[in-house]
Amino acid sequence: MDRSLYVAMTGATQTMRAQAEVAHNLANANTAGFKAELSAFRSVPVLGDGERSRINAVAQGTGWDLSAGPQVATGRDLDVAVQGQGWIAVQAADGGEGYTRAGSLQVGADGLLTTATGQPVLGDGGPISVPPYTQLTIGNDGTVSVVPQGQGPATLAVVGRIKLVNPEPAQLAKGGDGLMRLAGDGTAPADAGVRLASGVIESSNVNPSEQLVRMIELARQFEMQVRGIRSADDNARAATQLLQAT
């Protein structure tokens, strides 16, 4: 009885983990540039005494859906979206280099070009600093140009170029801050083939309908596992009562 109880308990625990991943995807359905996390159940043999045919279903992450999300036109000069494959290089909180497709950029009070969450956008020589300006444009190759404050349109000046990269997907790993990184904390070289579109942002590629259906399926699986736990407990109590009666 204890073995069947353990198997049912393990199944319920793994189902809860899968539900947490689905909930995380749903929570980021409106997060610009977010990539849906993928997971699946894998059969793992139960260690210890007993038949080798005994297995547990374990929920494990299988990666991320790196397909592009829908692009939404905003008309805002600081909004950019990567066209096709590629990433925008930013400086992570630990000082390392991370990659994102969240192109809703802004200029901070210190003049640094950052993402909406405050990560400095990297250029060829480090974070891009923008002087006071009256007009700012971002070219499709990542070039950031401004008309300095108090100057006319003829004084358009280039202040930097956003580092755009396109590493192999297999080399990327997702950090706890939501940024992609190269395995081994490496840095990807700039790729001149990556292009940006200005005035648009890439929204999340999470499909809320699919995730809601997945959540319902997992809820039913969890309920089934709980019923299995209750059945094992009822059987154990009935066996105990039968032994006591004899």
C-alpha atoms as a PDB file:
ATOM      1  CA  MET A   1       0.000   0.000   0.000  1.00  0.00           C
ATOM      2  CA  ASP A   2       2.810   2.385   0.886  1.00  0.00           C
ATOM      3  CA  ARG A   3       4.328   2.014  -2.567  1.00  0.00           C
ATOM      4  CA  SER A   4       1.099   2.908  -4.368  1.00  0.00           C
ATOM      5  CA  LEU A   5       0.694   5.855  -2.001  1.00  0.00           C
ATOM      6  CA  TYR A   6       4.227   7.024  -2.797  1.00  0.00           C
ATOM      7  CA  VAL A   7       3.680   6.777  -6.559  1.00  0.00           C
ATOM      8  CA  ALA A   8       0.436   8.758  -6.339  1.00  0.00           C
ATOM      9  CA  MET A   9       2.047  11.362  -4.096  1.00  0.00           C
ATOM     10  CA  THR A  10       4.987  11.760  -6.491  1.00  0.00           C
ATOM     11  CA  GLY A  11       2.601  12.165  -9.418  1.00  0.00           C
ATOM     12  CA  ALA A  12       0.657  14.876  -7.579  1.00  0.00           C
ATOM     13  CA  THR A  13       3.884  16.723  -6.692  1.00  0.00           C
ATOM     14  CA  GLN A  14       5.139  16.694 -10.274  1.00  0.00           C
ATOM     15  CA  THR A  15       1.751  17.832 -11.557  1.00  0.00           C
ATOM     16  CA  MET A  16       1.926  20.830  -9.216  1.00  0.00           C
ATOM     17  CA  ARG A  17       5.357  21.701 -10.651  1.00  0.00           C
ATOM     18  CA  ALA A  18       3.958  21.577 -14.168  1.00  0.00           C
ATOM     19  CA  GLN A  19       1.066  23.801 -13.066  1.00  0.00           C
ATOM     20  CA  ALA A  20       3.561  26.347 -11.734  1.00  0.00           C
ATOM     21  CA  GLU A  21       5.254  26.574 -15.157  1.00  0.00           C
ATOM     22  CA  VAL A  22       1.924  27.046 -16.916  1.00  0.00           C
ATOM     23  CA  ALA A  23       0.944  29.717 -14.381  1.00  0.00           C
ATOM     24  CA  HIS A  24       4.267  31.480 -15.050  1.00  0.00           C
ATOM     25  CA  ASN A  25       3.534  31.517 -18.782  1.00  0.00           C
ATOM     26  CA  LEU A  26       0.037  32.880 -18.227  1.00  0.00           C
ATOM     27  CA  ALA A  27       1.369  35.595 -15.910  1.00  0.00           C
ATOM     28  CA  ASN A  28       3.672  36.761 -18.730  1.00  0.00           C
ATOM     29  CA  ALA A  29       1.133  36.599 -21.556  1.00  0.00           C
ATOM     30  CA  ASN A  30       1.365  40.404 -21.866  1.00  0.00           C
ATOM     31  CA  THR A  31       5.117  40.747 -21.207  1.00  0.00           C
ATOM     32  CA  ALA A  32       6.945  42.151 -24.229  1.00  0.00           C
ATOM     33  CA  GLY A  33       9.441  39.718 -25.738  1.00  0.00           C
ATOM     34  CA  PHE A  34       8.610  36.882 -23.318  1.00  0.00           C
ATOM     35  CA  LYS A  35       9.260  33.342 -24.559  1.00  0.00           C
ATOM     36  CA  ALA A  36       6.975  30.591 -23.302  1.00  0.00           C
ATOM     37  CA  GLU A  37       8.604  27.914 -21.175  1.00  0.00           C
ATOM     38  CA  LEU A  38       8.097  24.320 -22.314  1.00  0.00           C
ATOM     39  CA  SER A  39       7.831  21.263 -20.088  1.00  0.00           C
ATOM     40  CA  ALA A  40       6.905  17.593 -20.390  1.00  0.00           C
ATOM     41  CA  PHE A  41       6.516  14.524 -18.211  1.00  0.00           C
ATOM     42  CA  ARG A  42       9.335  11.996 -18.355  1.00  0.00           C
ATOM     43  CA  SER A  43       9.280   8.436 -17.091  1.00  0.00           C
ATOM     44  CA  VAL A  44      11.901   7.790 -14.385  1.00  0.00           C
ATOM     45  CA  PRO A  45      12.473   4.347 -12.817  1.00  0.00           C
ATOM     46  CA  VAL A  46      11.677   4.029  -9.105  1.00  0.00           C
ATOM     47  CA  LEU A  47      14.909   3.234  -7.261  1.00  0.00           C
ATOM     48  CA  GLY A  48      15.061   0.582  -4.561  1.00  0.00           C
ATOM     49  CA  ASP A  49      13.634  -2.873  -4.051  1.00  0.00           C
ATOM     50  CA  GLY A  50      10.814  -4.006  -6.284  1.00  0.00           C
ATOM     51  CA  GLU A  51      10.063  -4.650  -9.913  1.00  0.00           C
ATOM     52  CA  ARG A  52      12.034  -2.640 -12.457  1.00  0.00           C
ATOM     53  CA  SER A  53       8.792  -1.921 -14.281  1.00  0.00           C
ATOM     54  CA  ARG A  54       7.818   0.607 -11.578  1.00  0.00           C
ATOM     55  CA  ILE A  55       8.212   4.158 -12.857  1.00  0.00           C
ATOM     56  CA  ASN A  56       7.370   7.694 -11.807  1.00  0.00           C
ATOM     57  CA  ALA A  57       6.316  10.520 -14.106  1.00  0.00           C
ATOM     58  CA  VAL A  58       8.570  13.531 -13.509  1.00  0.00           C
ATOM     59  CA  ALA A  59       7.827  17.012 -14.879  1.00  0.00           C
ATOM     60  CA  GLN A  60      10.922  18.538 -16.466  1.00  0.00           C
ATOM     61  CA  GLY A  61      11.548  21.675 -18.463  1.00  0.00           C
ATOM     62  CA  THR A  62      12.382  20.990 -22.095  1.00  0.00           C
ATOM     63  CA  GLY A  63      13.420  24.503 -23.066  1.00  0.00           C
ATOM     64  CA  TRP A  64      11.640  27.541 -24.439  1.00  0.00           C
ATOM     65  CA  ASP A  65       9.496  28.384 -27.401  1.00  0.00           C
ATOM     66  CA  LEU A  66      11.812  30.721 -29.310  1.00  0.00           C
ATOM     67  CA  SER A  67       9.309  31.554 -32.030  1.00  0.00           C
ATOM     68  CA  ALA A  68       8.622  35.243 -32.576  1.00  0.00           C
ATOM     69  CA  GLY A  69       5.616  36.796 -30.884  1.00  0.00           C
ATOM     70  CA  PRO A  70       3.146  39.114 -32.628  1.00  0.00           C
ATOM     71  CA  GLN A  71       4.470  42.587 -33.407  1.00  0.00           C
ATOM     72  CA  VAL A  72       2.420  45.545 -32.245  1.00  0.00           C
ATOM     73  CA  ALA A  73       2.820  48.984 -33.804  1.00  0.00           C
ATOM     74  CA  THR A  74       3.251  51.744 -31.216  1.00  0.00           C
ATOM     75  CA  GLY A  75       4.716  54.619 -33.221  1.00  0.00           C
ATOM     76  CA  ARG A  76       7.116  55.319 -30.338  1.00  0.00           C
ATOM     77  CA  ASP A  77      10.671  56.156 -31.393  1.00  0.00           C
ATOM     78  CA  LEU A  78      12.232  54.096 -28.597  1.00  0.00           C
ATOM     79  CA  ASP A  79      10.245  50.933 -29.328  1.00  0.00           C
ATOM     80  CA  VAL A  80      12.069  48.385 -31.489  1.00  0.00           C
ATOM     81  CA  ALA A  81      11.456  44.780 -32.487  1.00  0.00           C
ATOM     82  CA  VAL A  82      13.962  42.248 -33.780  1.00  0.00           C
ATOM     83  CA  GLN A  83      13.019  41.016 -37.231  1.00  0.00           C
ATOM     84  CA  GLY A  84      13.402  37.265 -37.553  1.00  0.00           C
ATOM     85  CA  GLN A  85      16.072  35.605 -35.442  1.00  0.00           C
ATOM     86  CA  GLY A  86      18.344  37.547 -33.125  1.00  0.00           C
ATOM     87  CA  TRP A  87      18.584  39.254 -29.751  1.00  0.00           C
ATOM     88  CA  ILE A  88      19.334  42.637 -28.191  1.00  0.00           C
ATOM     89  CA  ALA A  89      22.384  42.590 -25.898  1.00  0.00           C
ATOM     90  CA  VAL A  90      21.945  44.154 -22.456  1.00  0.00           C
ATOM     91  CA  GLN A  91      23.929  44.363 -19.236  1.00  0.00           C
ATOM     92  CA  ALA A  92      22.531  42.123 -16.501  1.00  0.00           C
ATOM     93  CA  ALA A  93      22.419  43.068 -12.817  1.00  0.00           C
ATOM     94  CA  ASP A  94      25.551  40.972 -12.147  1.00  0.00           C
ATOM     95  CA  GLY A  95      27.481  42.905 -14.798  1.00  0.00           C
ATOM     96  CA  GLY A  96      27.391  40.073 -17.310  1.00  0.00           C
ATOM     97  CA  GLU A  97      25.906  40.138 -20.780  1.00  0.00           C
ATOM     98  CA  GLY A  98      22.368  38.970 -21.343  1.00  0.00           C
ATOM     99  CA  TYR A  99      20.022  38.888 -24.323  1.00  0.00           C
ATOM    100  CA  THR A 100      16.411  39.917 -24.719  1.00  0.00           C
ATOM    101  CA  ARG A 101      13.804  40.638 -27.355  1.00  0.00           C
ATOM    102  CA  ALA A 102      11.900  43.084 -25.153  1.00  0.00           C
ATOM    103  CA  GLY A 103      12.431  46.217 -27.217  1.00  0.00           C
ATOM    104  CA  SER A 104      10.491  48.781 -25.208  1.00  0.00           C
ATOM    105  CA  LEU A 105      13.499  51.025 -24.526  1.00  0.00           C
ATOM    106  CA  GLN A 106      13.846  54.215 -22.528  1.00  0.00           C
ATOM    107  CA  VAL A 107      16.450  56.815 -21.636  1.00  0.00           C
ATOM    108  CA  GLY A 108      17.082  57.070 -17.898  1.00  0.00           C
ATOM    109  CA  ALA A 109      17.809  60.163 -15.859  1.00  0.00           C
ATOM    110  CA  ASP A 110      21.521  59.362 -16.170  1.00  0.00           C
ATOM    111  CA  GLY A 111      21.270  59.310 -19.957  1.00  0.00           C
ATOM    112  CA  LEU A 112      21.724  55.545 -20.340  1.00  0.00           C
ATOM    113  CA  LEU A 113      19.615  53.698 -22.893  1.00  0.00           C
ATOM    114  CA  THR A 114      17.884  50.896 -20.992  1.00  0.00           C
ATOM    115  CA  THR A 115      15.121  48.337 -21.305  1.00  0.00           C
ATOM    116  CA  ALA A 116      11.783  48.907 -19.590  1.00  0.00           C
ATOM    117  CA  THR A 117      13.109  46.916 -16.607  1.00  0.00           C
ATOM    118  CA  GLY A 118      16.232  49.074 -16.289  1.00  0.00           C
ATOM    119  CA  GLN A 119      18.926  46.915 -17.914  1.00  0.00           C
ATOM    120  CA  PRO A 120      21.432  49.065 -19.858  1.00  0.00           C
ATOM    121  CA  VAL A 121      21.443  48.366 -23.592  1.00  0.00           C
ATOM    122  CA  LEU A 122      24.914  47.457 -24.815  1.00  0.00           C
ATOM    123  CA  GLY A 123      26.649  48.953 -27.817  1.00  0.00           C
ATOM    124  CA  ASP A 124      29.996  48.262 -29.440  1.00  0.00           C
ATOM    125  CA  GLY A 125      31.869  49.739 -26.458  1.00  0.00           C
ATOM    126  CA  GLY A 126      29.544  49.059 -23.537  1.00  0.00           C
ATOM    127  CA  PRO A 127      26.305  50.705 -22.373  1.00  0.00           C
ATOM    128  CA  ILE A 128      24.970  53.376 -24.734  1.00  0.00           C
ATOM    129  CA  SER A 129      24.827  56.902 -23.278  1.00  0.00           C
ATOM    130  CA  VAL A 130      22.422  59.363 -24.881  1.00  0.00           C
ATOM    131  CA  PRO A 131      22.973  63.139 -24.481  1.00  0.00           C
ATOM    132  CA  PRO A 132      20.018  65.517 -24.077  1.00  0.00           C
ATOM    133  CA  TYR A 133      18.133  65.509 -27.354  1.00  0.00           C
ATOM    134  CA  THR A 134      15.100  66.841 -29.163  1.00  0.00           C
ATOM    135  CA  GLN A 135      14.761  63.872 -31.512  1.00  0.00           C
ATOM    136  CA  LEU A 136      15.967  60.259 -31.370  1.00  0.00           C
ATOM    137  CA  THR A 137      15.879  57.605 -34.065  1.00  0.00           C
ATOM    138  CA  ILE A 138      16.972  53.960 -34.101  1.00  0.00           C
ATOM    139  CA  GLY A 139      17.967  52.543 -37.486  1.00  0.00           C
ATOM    140  CA  ASN A 140      17.274  49.025 -38.670  1.00  0.00           C
ATOM    141  CA  ASP A 141      20.908  48.125 -38.003  1.00  0.00           C
ATOM    142  CA  GLY A 142      20.664  49.331 -34.397  1.00  0.00           C
ATOM    143  CA  THR A 143      22.298  52.723 -34.957  1.00  0.00           C
ATOM    144  CA  VAL A 144      21.080  55.271 -32.379  1.00  0.00           C
ATOM    145  CA  SER A 145      21.044  58.855 -33.694  1.00  0.00           C
ATOM    146  CA  VAL A 146      19.908  62.041 -31.990  1.00  0.00           C
ATOM    147  CA  VAL A 147      19.391  65.694 -32.718  1.00  0.00           C
ATOM    148  CA  PRO A 148      21.141  67.372 -29.750  1.00  0.00           C
ATOM    149  CA  GLN A 149      19.059  69.646 -27.597  1.00  0.00           C
ATOM    150  CA  GLY A 150      19.029  73.198 -28.961  1.00  0.00           C
ATOM    151  CA  GLN A 151      20.283  72.131 -32.403  1.00  0.00           C
ATOM    152  CA  GLY A 152      18.548  71.852 -35.774  1.00  0.00           C
ATOM    153  CA  PRO A 153      17.712  68.674 -37.753  1.00  0.00           C
ATOM    154  CA  ALA A 154      20.890  69.083 -39.792  1.00  0.00           C
ATOM    155  CA  THR A 155      22.998  68.278 -36.724  1.00  0.00           C
ATOM    156  CA  LEU A 156      21.864  64.626 -36.496  1.00  0.00           C
ATOM    157  CA  ALA A 157      24.613  62.736 -34.665  1.00  0.00           C
ATOM    158  CA  VAL A 158      25.243  59.026 -34.092  1.00  0.00           C
ATOM    159  CA  VAL A 159      25.701  58.214 -30.383  1.00  0.00           C
ATOM    160  CA  GLY A 160      26.043  54.440 -30.595  1.00  0.00           C
ATOM    161  CA  ARG A 161      24.903  51.211 -32.150  1.00  0.00           C
ATOM    162  CA  ILE A 162      22.893  48.587 -30.321  1.00  0.00           C
ATOM    163  CA  LYS A 163      24.684  45.266 -30.158  1.00  0.00           C
ATOM    164  CA  LEU A 164      22.559  42.700 -31.974  1.00  0.00           C
ATOM    165  CA  VAL A 165      23.490  39.022 -31.744  1.00  0.00           C
ATOM    166  CA  ASN A 166      22.253  35.744 -33.168  1.00  0.00           C
ATOM    167  CA  PRO A 167      23.802  32.772 -31.317  1.00  0.00           C
ATOM    168  CA  GLU A 168      22.670  29.201 -31.841  1.00  0.00           C
ATOM    169  CA  PRO A 169      19.527  28.470 -29.775  1.00  0.00           C
ATOM    170  CA  ALA A 170      21.204  25.404 -28.274  1.00  0.00           C
ATOM    171  CA  GLN A 171      23.864  27.663 -26.731  1.00  0.00           C
ATOM    172  CA  LEU A 172      21.328  29.759 -24.826  1.00  0.00           C
ATOM    173  CA  ALA A 173      20.122  29.272 -21.286  1.00  0.00           C
ATOM    174  CA  LYS A 174      17.487  31.310 -19.484  1.00  0.00           C
ATOM    175  CA  GLY A 175      18.406  33.002 -16.222  1.00  0.00           C
ATOM    176  CA  GLY A 176      16.239  33.765 -13.242  1.00  0.00           C
ATOM    177  CA  ASP A 177      16.013  37.400 -14.358  1.00  0.00           C
ATOM    178  CA  GLY A 178      14.353  36.388 -17.631  1.00  0.00           C
ATOM    179  CA  LEU A 179      17.419  37.143 -19.760  1.00  0.00           C
ATOM    180  CA  MET A 180      18.993  34.631 -22.104  1.00  0.00           C
ATOM    181  CA  ARG A 181      22.688  33.921 -21.639  1.00  0.00           C
ATOM    182  CA  LEU A 182      25.331  31.898 -23.394  1.00  0.00           C
ATOM    183  CA  ALA A 183      26.268  28.696 -21.626  1.00  0.00           C
ATOM    184  CA  GLY A 184      29.430  29.182 -19.584  1.00  0.00           C
ATOM    185  CA  ASP A 185      28.821  32.934 -19.207  1.00  0.00           C
ATOM    186  CA  GLY A 186      30.288  33.633 -22.641  1.00  0.00           C
ATOM    187  CA  THR A 187      29.437  36.555 -24.914  1.00  0.00           C
ATOM    188  CA  ALA A 188      28.074  36.321 -28.421  1.00  0.00           C
ATOM    189  CA  PRO A 189      29.655  38.361 -31.229  1.00  0.00           C
ATOM    190  CA  ALA A 190      27.660  41.122 -32.900  1.00  0.00           C
ATOM    191  CA  ASP A 191      25.824  39.945 -36.013  1.00  0.00           C
ATOM    192  CA  ALA A 192      25.382  42.529 -38.769  1.00  0.00           C
ATOM    193  CA  GLY A 193      22.620  40.424 -40.294  1.00  0.00           C
ATOM    194  CA  VAL A 194      20.170  41.053 -37.428  1.00  0.00           C
ATOM    195  CA  ARG A 195      17.705  43.841 -38.158  1.00  0.00           C
ATOM    196  CA  LEU A 196      15.352  45.979 -36.096  1.00  0.00           C
ATOM    197  CA  ALA A 197      12.036  47.624 -36.873  1.00  0.00           C
ATOM    198  CA  SER A 198      11.370  50.944 -35.154  1.00  0.00           C
ATOM    199  CA  GLY A 199       8.013  52.008 -33.752  1.00  0.00           C
ATOM    200  CA  VAL A 200       6.906  48.429 -32.964  1.00  0.00           C
ATOM    201  CA  ILE A 201       7.427  45.958 -30.126  1.00  0.00           C
ATOM    202  CA  GLU A 202       7.306  42.179 -30.054  1.00  0.00           C
ATOM    203  CA  SER A 203       4.732  40.920 -27.608  1.00  0.00           C
ATOM    204  CA  SER A 204       4.796  37.616 -25.728  1.00  0.00           C
ATOM    205  CA  ASN A 205       4.523  34.419 -27.778  1.00  0.00           C
ATOM    206  CA  VAL A 206       2.401  32.768 -25.073  1.00  0.00           C
ATOM    207  CA  ASN A 207      -0.930  31.487 -26.380  1.00  0.00           C
ATOM    208  CA  PRO A 208      -3.321  32.066 -23.431  1.00  0.00           C
ATOM    209  CA  SER A 209      -5.966  29.675 -24.783  1.00  0.00           C
ATOM    210  CA  GLU A 210      -3.503  26.807 -25.067  1.00  0.00           C
ATOM    211  CA  GLN A 211      -2.103  27.489 -21.623  1.00  0.00           C
ATOM    212  CA  LEU A 212      -5.574  27.585 -20.056  1.00  0.00           C
ATOM    213  CA  VAL A 213      -6.438  24.233 -21.649  1.00  0.00           C
ATOM    214  CA  ARG A 214      -3.144  22.846 -20.364  1.00  0.00           C
ATOM    215  CA  MET A 215      -3.929  24.137 -16.865  1.00  0.00           C
ATOM    216  CA  ILE A 216      -7.323  22.387 -16.899  1.00  0.00           C
ATOM    217  CA  GLU A 217      -5.691  19.127 -18.010  1.00  0.00           C
ATOM    218  CA  LEU A 218      -3.146  19.345 -15.204  1.00  0.00           C
ATOM    219  CA  ALA A 219      -5.867  20.136 -12.662  1.00  0.00           C
ATOM    220  CA  ARG A 220      -7.712  16.957 -13.668  1.00  0.00           C
ATOM    221  CA  GLN A 221      -4.495  14.932 -13.428  1.00  0.00           C
ATOM    222  CA  PHE A 222      -3.847  16.339  -9.970  1.00  0.00           C
ATOM    223  CA  GLU A 223      -7.368  15.434  -8.868  1.00  0.00           C
ATOM    224  CA  MET A 224      -6.816  11.886 -10.141  1.00  0.00           C
ATOM    225  CA  GLN A 225      -3.573  11.599  -8.173  1.00  0.00           C
ATOM    226  CA  VAL A 226      -5.271  12.834  -5.007  1.00  0.00           C
ATOM    227  CA  ARG A 227      -7.993  10.240  -5.468  1.00  0.00           C
ATOM    228  CA  GLY A 228      -5.262   7.611  -5.761  1.00  0.00           C
ATOM    229  CA  ILE A 229      -3.773   8.787  -2.461  1.00  0.00           C
ATOM    230  CA  ARG A 230      -7.165   8.596  -0.774  1.00  0.00           C
ATOM    231  CA  SER A 231      -7.824   5.125  -2.194  1.00  0.00           C
ATOM    232  CA  ALA A 232      -4.460   3.852  -0.961  1.00  0.00           C
ATOM    233  CA  ASP A 233      -5.154   5.314   2.482  1.00  0.00           C
ATOM    234  CA  ASP A 234      -8.651   3.780   2.603  1.00  0.00           C
ATOM    235  CA  ASN A 235      -7.264   0.386   1.592  1.00  0.00           C
ATOM    236  CA  ALA A 236      -4.578   0.601   4.277  1.00  0.00           C
ATOM    237  CA  ARG A 237      -7.166   1.432   6.949  1.00  0.00           C
ATOM    238  CA  ALA A 238      -9.449  -1.384   5.808  1.00  0.00           C
ATOM    239  CA  ALA A 239      -6.550  -3.868   5.943  1.00  0.00           C
ATOM    240  CA  THR A 240      -5.628  -2.663   9.434  1.00  0.00           C
ATOM    241  CA  GLN A 241      -9.180  -3.103  10.677  1.00  0.00           C
ATOM    242  CA  LEU A 242      -9.328  -6.581   9.146  1.00  0.00           C
ATOM    243  CA  LEU A 243      -6.125  -7.596  10.929  1.00  0.00           C
ATOM    244  CA  GLN A 244      -7.378  -6.208  14.213  1.00  0.00           C
ATOM    245  CA  ALA A 245     -10.633  -8.153  13.860  1.00  0.00           C
ATOM    246  CA  THR A 246      -8.761 -11.394  13.477  1.00  0.00           C
END
